[in-house]
Amino acid sequence: MTNNFKPAKGIRVSNLDGIQEGYCVAEQQNYFIITVNVSAENIDFVFHSLCKKVRTPAFLILEHATHRDIERELRKNDTDSLHKDVFYIDGLQYKDFLKLYEKHKELLINDGMVQFGFGSHDGYDEVFVRKYKIFTIYADVPSKYTDELEQLGIGRDDNLKTVWENFTDETPGRCETISIDNKNIYDMFEELKESGLYFAERREDN
């Protein structure tokens, strides 16, 4: 894996000082959270490798920003939280998930506005790619993921720095929607509805 860290196509980050591939682990009451920096050219391979570890049956989760017309109704002032819409496809085996992922992976990996993941219906066991394509793994058996990350050449860094820590008024970040082969994420969501994708809820986007 590379230390020359690159953001995905739909992500604009003006300051990458100190940003490199690595992971850190935080213990919660009943599970662990593993945060992982992955350079853009490695997102596909790393995500693919980690998702093989997820217990099945499992779900595909997709999130994107709530439409601006709805936001105008929800937000009373500029300091109110923005929102995101959450979608699922349930009851997937890994091979079923892989077919869906492979068909849409270029948009999933590169679009700045979509967040995506694969998680088990049993316990804490989910690989999720958040804003700025930062990986967040929720695990009650963290060793299977940390062992895999080490095998992939991504080492543990208890002082891991993400792009969020570099954002200031002078060095902002921005997530953008892009098109690939004349298709954007909204087209992708419509296609996935034919495979069982459904709207689950609208959350505050913290």
Protein backbone atom coordinates (compact mmCIF):
# COMPACT_ATOMS: atom_id res chain seq x y z
CA MET A 1 0.00 0.00 0.00
CA THR A 2 1.10 3.54 -0.70
CA ASN A 3 1.95 6.43 1.61
CA ASN A 4 1.27 8.91 -1.22
CA PHE A 5 -2.33 9.38 -0.12
CA LYS A 6 -4.91 10.22 -2.80
CA PRO A 7 -8.57 11.19 -2.29
CA ALA A 8 -11.33 9.81 -4.50
CA LYS A 9 -12.46 11.76 -7.59
CA GLY A 10 -15.49 13.36 -5.95
CA ILE A 11 -13.57 14.58 -2.92
CA ARG A 12 -11.71 17.87 -2.64
CA VAL A 13 -9.20 18.15 0.19
CA SER A 14 -6.83 21.11 0.20
CA ASN A 15 -4.52 19.89 2.98
CA LEU A 16 -3.29 16.29 3.11
CA ASP A 17 -0.42 16.95 5.52
CA GLY A 18 0.04 13.94 7.80
CA ILE A 19 -2.65 11.88 6.07
CA GLN A 20 -1.53 8.35 5.28
CA GLU A 21 -2.92 4.85 5.19
CA GLY A 22 -3.37 3.21 8.58
CA TYR A 23 -5.94 2.20 11.15
CA CYS A 24 -6.77 2.77 14.80
CA VAL A 25 -9.04 0.91 17.21
CA ALA A 26 -11.44 2.30 19.82
CA GLU A 27 -13.22 0.04 22.31
CA GLN A 28 -16.90 0.61 23.07
CA GLN A 29 -19.04 -1.15 25.67
CA ASN A 30 -19.99 -4.15 23.54
CA TYR A 31 -17.95 -3.75 20.36
CA PHE A 32 -14.97 -2.06 18.74
CA ILE A 33 -14.73 0.72 16.16
CA ILE A 34 -11.85 0.50 13.69
CA THR A 35 -11.15 3.66 11.68
CA VAL A 36 -9.13 3.21 8.49
CA ASN A 37 -7.54 5.64 6.04
CA VAL A 38 -7.38 4.13 2.55
CA SER A 39 -5.91 5.87 -0.48
CA ALA A 40 -8.28 6.08 -3.46
CA GLU A 41 -6.49 3.56 -5.65
CA ASN A 42 -6.78 0.94 -2.89
CA ILE A 43 -10.40 1.46 -1.80
CA ASP A 44 -11.81 -1.26 -4.05
CA PHE A 45 -9.33 -3.96 -3.04
CA VAL A 46 -9.45 -3.15 0.68
CA PHE A 47 -13.25 -2.93 0.81
CA HIS A 48 -13.59 -6.17 -1.15
CA SER A 49 -11.13 -7.95 1.18
CA LEU A 50 -12.74 -6.72 4.40
CA CYS A 51 -16.29 -7.53 3.30
CA LYS A 52 -15.34 -11.19 2.91
CA LYS A 53 -15.02 -11.23 6.72
CA VAL A 54 -18.59 -10.07 7.38
CA ARG A 55 -20.93 -12.73 8.79
CA THR A 56 -23.86 -13.52 6.53
CA PRO A 57 -26.74 -13.13 5.97
CA ALA A 58 -25.97 -9.44 5.75
CA PHE A 59 -27.24 -6.15 4.34
CA LEU A 60 -26.07 -3.55 1.87
CA ILE A 61 -26.41 -0.04 3.30
CA LEU A 62 -26.35 3.13 1.22
CA GLU A 63 -26.65 6.72 2.37
CA HIS A 64 -26.79 10.05 0.58
CA ALA A 65 -27.66 13.64 1.44
CA THR A 66 -31.34 14.48 1.72
CA HIS A 67 -32.68 16.45 -1.24
CA ARG A 68 -32.33 20.21 -0.81
CA ASP A 69 -36.10 20.80 -1.18
CA ILE A 70 -36.76 18.53 1.80
CA GLU A 71 -33.93 20.14 3.76
CA ARG A 72 -35.62 23.52 3.36
CA GLU A 73 -38.63 22.11 5.17
CA LEU A 74 -36.65 20.30 7.90
CA ARG A 75 -34.14 22.99 8.84
CA LYS A 76 -35.47 26.03 10.67
CA ASN A 77 -32.16 27.91 10.56
CA ASP A 78 -28.62 27.59 9.19
CA THR A 79 -27.26 26.06 12.40
CA ASP A 80 -29.65 23.07 12.29
CA SER A 81 -28.16 19.74 11.27
CA LEU A 82 -28.30 18.56 7.67
CA HIS A 83 -29.88 15.17 6.98
CA LYS A 84 -29.16 12.01 5.05
CA ASP A 85 -31.39 9.30 3.61
CA VAL A 86 -30.61 5.69 4.50
CA PHE A 87 -31.36 2.70 2.26
CA TYR A 88 -30.90 -1.07 2.64
CA ILE A 89 -31.00 -4.35 0.79
CA ASP A 90 -31.43 -7.14 3.36
CA GLY A 91 -30.67 -10.85 3.50
CA LEU A 92 -27.60 -10.96 1.26
CA GLN A 93 -24.93 -13.60 1.02
CA TYR A 94 -21.48 -12.34 0.10
CA LYS A 95 -21.78 -13.48 -3.53
CA ASP A 96 -25.09 -11.59 -3.88
CA PHE A 97 -23.57 -8.45 -2.42
CA LEU A 98 -20.51 -8.77 -4.63
CA LYS A 99 -22.63 -8.79 -7.82
CA LEU A 100 -24.31 -5.54 -6.79
CA TYR A 101 -21.08 -3.93 -5.65
CA GLU A 102 -19.12 -4.86 -8.78
CA LYS A 103 -21.79 -3.37 -11.03
CA HIS A 104 -21.73 0.00 -9.25
CA LYS A 105 -18.31 0.17 -7.62
CA GLU A 106 -16.89 3.02 -9.71
CA LEU A 107 -19.61 5.37 -8.49
CA LEU A 108 -19.51 4.03 -4.93
CA ILE A 109 -15.75 4.49 -4.72
CA ASN A 110 -15.50 7.86 -6.45
CA ASP A 111 -18.69 9.80 -5.78
CA GLY A 112 -18.21 12.14 -2.85
CA MET A 113 -21.82 12.17 -1.70
CA VAL A 114 -22.57 8.46 -1.33
CA GLN A 115 -21.68 6.39 1.74
CA PHE A 116 -21.89 2.60 1.57
CA GLY A 117 -21.25 -0.58 3.49
CA PHE A 118 -21.89 -4.26 4.12
CA GLY A 119 -23.01 -5.43 7.54
CA SER A 120 -24.19 -8.58 9.26
CA HIS A 121 -27.70 -9.11 10.59
CA ASP A 122 -25.99 -10.83 13.55
CA GLY A 123 -24.23 -8.73 16.18
CA TYR A 124 -21.71 -5.95 15.48
CA ASP A 125 -20.05 -6.78 12.18
CA GLU A 126 -20.08 -4.05 9.52
CA VAL A 127 -17.68 -2.44 7.08
CA PHE A 128 -18.84 1.08 6.22
CA VAL A 129 -17.26 3.74 3.99
CA ARG A 130 -18.17 7.18 5.32
CA LYS A 131 -17.74 10.75 4.12
CA TYR A 132 -14.36 11.42 2.54
CA LYS A 133 -14.14 7.62 2.03
CA ILE A 134 -12.93 6.99 5.56
CA PHE A 135 -13.60 3.35 6.51
CA THR A 136 -15.39 2.64 9.78
CA ILE A 137 -15.62 -0.98 10.91
CA TYR A 138 -17.95 -2.01 13.73
CA ALA A 139 -16.88 -5.36 15.12
CA ASP A 140 -17.44 -7.64 18.09
CA VAL A 141 -14.52 -9.73 16.77
CA PRO A 142 -12.05 -7.00 15.74
CA SER A 143 -9.07 -9.30 15.23
CA LYS A 144 -10.39 -10.70 11.95
CA TYR A 145 -10.34 -7.17 10.52
CA THR A 146 -7.08 -5.97 12.06
CA ASP A 147 -5.34 -9.15 10.92
CA GLU A 148 -6.65 -8.59 7.39
CA LEU A 149 -5.56 -4.95 7.38
CA GLU A 150 -2.07 -5.95 8.46
CA GLN A 151 -1.99 -8.55 5.68
CA LEU A 152 -2.96 -5.81 3.23
CA GLY A 153 -0.05 -3.67 4.41
CA ILE A 154 -2.15 -1.17 6.37
CA GLY A 155 -0.60 -0.86 9.82
CA ARG A 156 -1.97 0.22 13.16
CA ASP A 157 -1.47 3.86 14.14
CA ASP A 158 -2.93 4.84 17.50
CA ASN A 159 -2.44 8.50 16.54
CA LEU A 160 -4.14 8.11 13.16
CA LYS A 161 -5.01 11.45 11.57
CA THR A 162 -7.96 11.75 9.18
CA VAL A 163 -8.71 14.58 6.78
CA TRP A 164 -11.28 15.97 9.22
CA GLU A 165 -8.45 17.15 11.46
CA ASN A 166 -6.98 19.27 8.66
CA PHE A 167 -10.17 21.17 7.84
CA THR A 168 -10.16 24.90 8.60
CA ASP A 169 -11.70 27.96 6.98
CA GLU A 170 -8.49 28.28 4.97
CA THR A 171 -8.17 24.58 4.13
CA PRO A 172 -11.72 23.24 3.66
CA GLY A 173 -12.91 19.94 2.26
CA ARG A 174 -15.77 19.31 -0.11
CA CYS A 175 -17.72 16.28 -1.32
CA GLU A 176 -19.16 16.36 -4.83
CA THR A 177 -21.50 14.26 -6.93
CA ILE A 178 -19.94 13.02 -10.17
CA SER A 179 -21.09 11.11 -13.23
CA ILE A 180 -19.40 8.05 -14.70
CA ASP A 181 -20.54 6.87 -18.16
CA ASN A 182 -23.42 9.37 -17.95
CA LYS A 183 -24.69 7.79 -14.73
CA ASN A 184 -24.78 9.35 -11.26
CA ILE A 185 -25.66 7.97 -7.84
CA TYR A 186 -29.33 8.84 -8.23
CA ASP A 187 -29.47 6.66 -11.34
CA MET A 188 -27.67 3.95 -9.36
CA PHE A 189 -30.23 4.12 -6.55
CA GLU A 190 -33.08 3.72 -9.05
CA GLU A 191 -31.40 0.65 -10.56
CA LEU A 192 -30.82 -0.90 -7.15
CA LYS A 193 -34.50 -0.57 -6.25
CA GLU A 194 -35.06 -3.37 -8.76
CA SER A 195 -32.79 -5.54 -6.57
CA GLY A 196 -34.72 -4.78 -3.38
CA LEU A 197 -33.23 -1.48 -2.23
CA TYR A 198 -35.65 0.32 0.08
CA PHE A 199 -35.72 3.61 1.96
CA ALA A 200 -35.37 2.97 5.70
CA GLU A 201 -35.05 6.31 7.45
CA ARG A 202 -33.85 9.90 7.41
CA ARG A 203 -31.14 10.76 9.96
CA GLU A 204 -29.29 13.85 11.05
CA ASP A 205 -25.98 13.95 9.23
CA ASN A 206 -23.53 14.49 12.07
